[in-house]
Each structure stands twice: as C-alpha cells, then as structure tokens.
Amino acid sequence: MKIAGICVVLLVLLSGCNSTTEPAKNDNESAIAKNQEDLYCKQDIITGSKFTKRRCRTKDQIEYDRHAAKDMLNRQRNTAGKQ
C-alpha cells in the first residue's frame, strides 16, 4: 500500500514538471534578444563565494544602473545626520 501511494505522489510530481510552460519574457529580455550584438558581458564575482557569474547587459542598462547608483548615493549624502 505504501509503495502504491509513493508511486502516485511521484507520478503527480513528474506530470507537474512536464506541464510547465515557458514564462513570458519582459521588455528587457526581449530587447536583449533583439540586440545581441549590443551586449556587454563581464564576469561578476559572487560575494562570499569562489564562483563567478556571467552578466550581460546593454549599454542603456549599464547607464541606467550607473545613474541609479549615483542618485542613491546623493540621497544618502544629502540626508546624512537629518532625522
């Protein structure tokens, strides 16, 4: 009886894996797919690990990240000591 129950559970789990669909791509992923020649890739070191991860971004994404980081630092500097 236990074996039959385990087989049913495994069958349900395996059928669930088989029925998954591809997730919808967001605008950034579709833009990357269209402009593969405009990608800039670099190896980023994962903090606390010996492994690296390849990260590919477009020039616009790099500039946006740089601008967002500058804005965050400016907001922190302008609010330092104020409560």
N, C-alpha and C. Protein backbone atom coordinates (compact mmCIF):
# COMPACT_ATOMS: atom_id res chain seq x y z
N MET A 1 0.83 -1.19 0.00
CA MET A 1 0.00 0.00 0.00
C MET A 1 0.87 1.26 0.00
N LYS A 2 1.93 1.24 0.79
CA LYS A 2 2.82 2.41 0.84
C LYS A 2 3.49 2.64 -0.51
N ILE A 3 3.86 1.58 -1.18
CA ILE A 3 4.54 1.71 -2.48
C ILE A 3 3.60 2.33 -3.50
N ALA A 4 2.33 1.94 -3.47
CA ALA A 4 1.34 2.50 -4.40
C ALA A 4 1.17 4.00 -4.14
N GLY A 5 1.14 4.39 -2.89
CA GLY A 5 1.00 5.80 -2.54
C GLY A 5 2.20 6.61 -2.99
N ILE A 6 3.38 6.05 -2.81
CA ILE A 6 4.60 6.74 -3.24
C ILE A 6 4.62 6.87 -4.75
N CYS A 7 4.19 5.83 -5.46
CA CYS A 7 4.15 5.88 -6.92
C CYS A 7 3.18 6.95 -7.41
N VAL A 8 2.04 7.08 -6.74
CA VAL A 8 1.07 8.10 -7.13
C VAL A 8 1.65 9.50 -6.91
N VAL A 9 2.30 9.71 -5.79
CA VAL A 9 2.90 11.01 -5.49
C VAL A 9 3.98 11.34 -6.53
N LEU A 10 4.83 10.38 -6.85
CA LEU A 10 5.87 10.61 -7.84
C LEU A 10 5.28 10.90 -9.22
N LEU A 11 4.23 10.19 -9.57
CA LEU A 11 3.57 10.42 -10.86
C LEU A 11 3.00 11.82 -10.95
N VAL A 12 2.38 12.29 -9.87
CA VAL A 12 1.83 13.65 -9.85
C VAL A 12 2.94 14.68 -9.96
N LEU A 13 4.03 14.48 -9.23
CA LEU A 13 5.15 15.43 -9.27
C LEU A 13 5.79 15.47 -10.66
N LEU A 14 5.99 14.32 -11.26
CA LEU A 14 6.59 14.28 -12.58
C LEU A 14 5.68 14.87 -13.65
N SER A 15 4.38 14.65 -13.53
CA SER A 15 3.47 15.24 -14.51
C SER A 15 3.42 16.75 -14.36
N GLY A 16 3.59 17.25 -13.14
CA GLY A 16 3.63 18.70 -12.93
C GLY A 16 4.84 19.32 -13.57
N CYS A 17 5.98 18.65 -13.54
CA CYS A 17 7.19 19.15 -14.19
C CYS A 17 7.05 19.14 -15.70
N ASN A 18 6.32 18.20 -16.22
CA ASN A 18 6.15 18.07 -17.66
C ASN A 18 5.19 19.11 -18.21
N SER A 19 4.29 19.64 -17.38
CA SER A 19 3.26 20.53 -17.88
C SER A 19 3.61 22.01 -17.73
N THR A 20 4.80 22.33 -17.28
CA THR A 20 5.16 23.73 -17.12
C THR A 20 5.36 24.38 -18.47
N THR A 21 5.05 25.66 -18.54
CA THR A 21 5.22 26.41 -19.78
C THR A 21 6.34 27.41 -19.60
N GLU A 22 6.82 27.92 -20.69
CA GLU A 22 7.89 28.91 -20.65
C GLU A 22 7.33 30.22 -20.13
N PRO A 23 8.00 30.85 -19.15
CA PRO A 23 7.49 32.12 -18.63
C PRO A 23 7.56 33.21 -19.69
N ALA A 24 6.64 34.15 -19.60
CA ALA A 24 6.62 35.25 -20.55
C ALA A 24 7.83 36.14 -20.34
N LYS A 25 8.42 36.60 -21.41
CA LYS A 25 9.59 37.46 -21.32
C LYS A 25 9.14 38.90 -21.08
N ASN A 26 9.90 39.60 -20.25
CA ASN A 26 9.58 41.00 -20.04
C ASN A 26 10.26 41.85 -21.11
N ASP A 27 10.04 43.14 -21.09
CA ASP A 27 10.56 44.01 -22.13
C ASP A 27 12.08 44.00 -22.21
N ASN A 28 12.76 43.93 -21.06
CA ASN A 28 14.22 43.94 -21.06
C ASN A 28 14.78 42.69 -21.75
N GLU A 29 14.19 41.55 -21.47
CA GLU A 29 14.68 40.31 -22.07
C GLU A 29 14.45 40.30 -23.57
N SER A 30 13.31 40.82 -24.02
CA SER A 30 13.05 40.83 -25.46
C SER A 30 13.97 41.84 -26.15
N ALA A 31 14.29 42.94 -25.49
CA ALA A 31 15.21 43.91 -26.07
C ALA A 31 16.61 43.31 -26.18
N ILE A 32 17.01 42.54 -25.18
CA ILE A 32 18.33 41.90 -25.22
C ILE A 32 18.38 40.89 -26.35
N ALA A 33 17.30 40.14 -26.52
CA ALA A 33 17.28 39.13 -27.57
C ALA A 33 17.38 39.78 -28.95
N LYS A 34 16.78 40.95 -29.13
CA LYS A 34 16.81 41.63 -30.42
C LYS A 34 18.17 42.24 -30.70
N ASN A 35 18.85 42.71 -29.68
CA ASN A 35 20.12 43.41 -29.86
C ASN A 35 21.28 42.63 -29.28
N GLN A 36 21.45 41.40 -29.71
CA GLN A 36 22.52 40.57 -29.17
C GLN A 36 23.89 41.17 -29.44
N GLU A 37 24.04 41.90 -30.55
CA GLU A 37 25.34 42.48 -30.86
C GLU A 37 25.68 43.66 -29.96
N ASP A 38 24.68 44.22 -29.26
CA ASP A 38 24.90 45.37 -28.38
C ASP A 38 25.11 44.97 -26.93
N LEU A 39 25.36 43.69 -26.66
CA LEU A 39 25.54 43.24 -25.29
C LEU A 39 26.99 43.38 -24.86
N TYR A 40 27.16 43.77 -23.61
CA TYR A 40 28.47 43.84 -22.99
C TYR A 40 28.46 42.88 -21.81
N CYS A 41 29.30 41.86 -21.88
CA CYS A 41 29.31 40.82 -20.86
C CYS A 41 30.56 40.94 -19.99
N LYS A 42 30.38 40.61 -18.71
CA LYS A 42 31.52 40.61 -17.80
C LYS A 42 31.28 39.57 -16.73
N GLN A 43 32.36 39.08 -16.16
CA GLN A 43 32.30 38.09 -15.09
C GLN A 43 32.23 38.83 -13.76
N ASP A 44 31.14 38.65 -13.03
CA ASP A 44 30.98 39.24 -11.70
C ASP A 44 31.29 38.20 -10.65
N ILE A 45 32.03 38.59 -9.62
CA ILE A 45 32.35 37.68 -8.52
C ILE A 45 31.19 37.69 -7.55
N ILE A 46 30.72 36.52 -7.20
CA ILE A 46 29.62 36.40 -6.26
C ILE A 46 30.18 36.56 -4.85
N THR A 47 29.63 37.49 -4.08
CA THR A 47 30.12 37.77 -2.75
C THR A 47 30.00 36.54 -1.86
N GLY A 48 31.08 36.21 -1.16
CA GLY A 48 31.09 35.07 -0.26
C GLY A 48 31.27 33.75 -0.96
N SER A 49 31.72 33.78 -2.21
CA SER A 49 31.87 32.55 -2.97
C SER A 49 33.11 32.65 -3.85
N LYS A 50 33.58 31.51 -4.31
CA LYS A 50 34.70 31.49 -5.24
C LYS A 50 34.22 31.51 -6.69
N PHE A 51 32.91 31.43 -6.87
CA PHE A 51 32.35 31.34 -8.20
C PHE A 51 32.10 32.72 -8.81
N THR A 52 32.07 32.76 -10.13
CA THR A 52 31.72 33.98 -10.84
C THR A 52 30.45 33.73 -11.64
N LYS A 53 29.80 34.80 -12.01
CA LYS A 53 28.59 34.70 -12.81
C LYS A 53 28.72 35.65 -13.99
N ARG A 54 28.42 35.17 -15.16
CA ARG A 54 28.49 36.00 -16.36
C ARG A 54 27.25 36.88 -16.41
N ARG A 55 27.46 38.18 -16.57
CA ARG A 55 26.36 39.13 -16.59
C ARG A 55 26.44 39.94 -17.87
N CYS A 56 25.42 39.85 -18.70
CA CYS A 56 25.39 40.56 -19.97
C CYS A 56 24.30 41.63 -19.92
N ARG A 57 24.66 42.84 -20.30
CA ARG A 57 23.71 43.95 -20.29
C ARG A 57 23.94 44.82 -21.52
N THR A 58 22.93 45.59 -21.87
CA THR A 58 23.06 46.54 -22.96
C THR A 58 23.66 47.83 -22.43
N LYS A 59 24.07 48.70 -23.33
CA LYS A 59 24.66 49.98 -22.93
C LYS A 59 23.65 50.81 -22.14
N ASP A 60 22.37 50.77 -22.55
CA ASP A 60 21.34 51.52 -21.84
C ASP A 60 21.15 51.01 -20.41
N GLN A 61 21.19 49.70 -20.22
CA GLN A 61 21.05 49.14 -18.89
C GLN A 61 22.23 49.52 -18.00
N ILE A 62 23.42 49.53 -18.56
CA ILE A 62 24.61 49.92 -17.80
C ILE A 62 24.50 51.37 -17.36
N GLU A 63 24.09 52.24 -18.28
CA GLU A 63 23.95 53.66 -17.95
C GLU A 63 22.84 53.88 -16.92
N TYR A 64 21.74 53.15 -17.03
CA TYR A 64 20.65 53.28 -16.07
C TYR A 64 21.12 52.86 -14.67
N ASP A 65 21.83 51.75 -14.57
CA ASP A 65 22.34 51.28 -13.28
C ASP A 65 23.32 52.28 -12.68
N ARG A 66 24.19 52.85 -13.51
CA ARG A 66 25.15 53.83 -13.05
C ARG A 66 24.44 55.08 -12.51
N HIS A 67 23.41 55.53 -13.25
CA HIS A 67 22.65 56.72 -12.84
C HIS A 67 21.88 56.44 -11.54
N ALA A 68 21.28 55.25 -11.42
CA ALA A 68 20.54 54.90 -10.21
C ALA A 68 21.46 54.84 -9.00
N ALA A 69 22.67 54.33 -9.18
CA ALA A 69 23.63 54.25 -8.07
C ALA A 69 24.05 55.65 -7.62
N LYS A 70 24.28 56.55 -8.59
CA LYS A 70 24.65 57.92 -8.24
C LYS A 70 23.52 58.62 -7.49
N ASP A 71 22.28 58.42 -7.94
CA ASP A 71 21.14 59.03 -7.26
C ASP A 71 21.01 58.52 -5.83
N MET A 72 21.21 57.22 -5.63
CA MET A 72 21.11 56.65 -4.30
C MET A 72 22.17 57.25 -3.38
N LEU A 73 23.41 57.37 -3.87
CA LEU A 73 24.48 57.93 -3.05
C LEU A 73 24.22 59.40 -2.74
N ASN A 74 23.70 60.15 -3.70
CA ASN A 74 23.38 61.56 -3.46
C ASN A 74 22.27 61.71 -2.43
N ARG A 75 21.25 60.86 -2.48
CA ARG A 75 20.18 60.92 -1.49
C ARG A 75 20.70 60.59 -0.10
N GLN A 76 21.59 59.63 0.01
CA GLN A 76 22.15 59.27 1.32
C GLN A 76 23.03 60.39 1.85
N ARG A 77 23.80 61.01 0.97
CA ARG A 77 24.70 62.08 1.40
C ARG A 77 23.89 63.31 1.84
N ASN A 78 22.81 63.60 1.13
CA ASN A 78 22.01 64.78 1.45
C ASN A 78 21.16 64.60 2.71
N THR A 79 20.89 63.37 3.09
CA THR A 79 20.08 63.14 4.29
C THR A 79 20.90 62.69 5.48
N ALA A 80 22.21 62.67 5.37
CA ALA A 80 23.06 62.22 6.48
C ALA A 80 22.94 63.19 7.65
N GLY A 81 22.63 62.68 8.82
CA GLY A 81 22.53 63.50 10.03
C GLY A 81 21.17 64.14 10.21
N LYS A 82 20.28 64.02 9.25
CA LYS A 82 18.94 64.59 9.37
C LYS A 82 17.98 63.49 9.76
N GLN A 83 17.10 63.80 10.72
CA GLN A 83 16.08 62.82 11.14
C GLN A 83 14.75 63.45 11.27
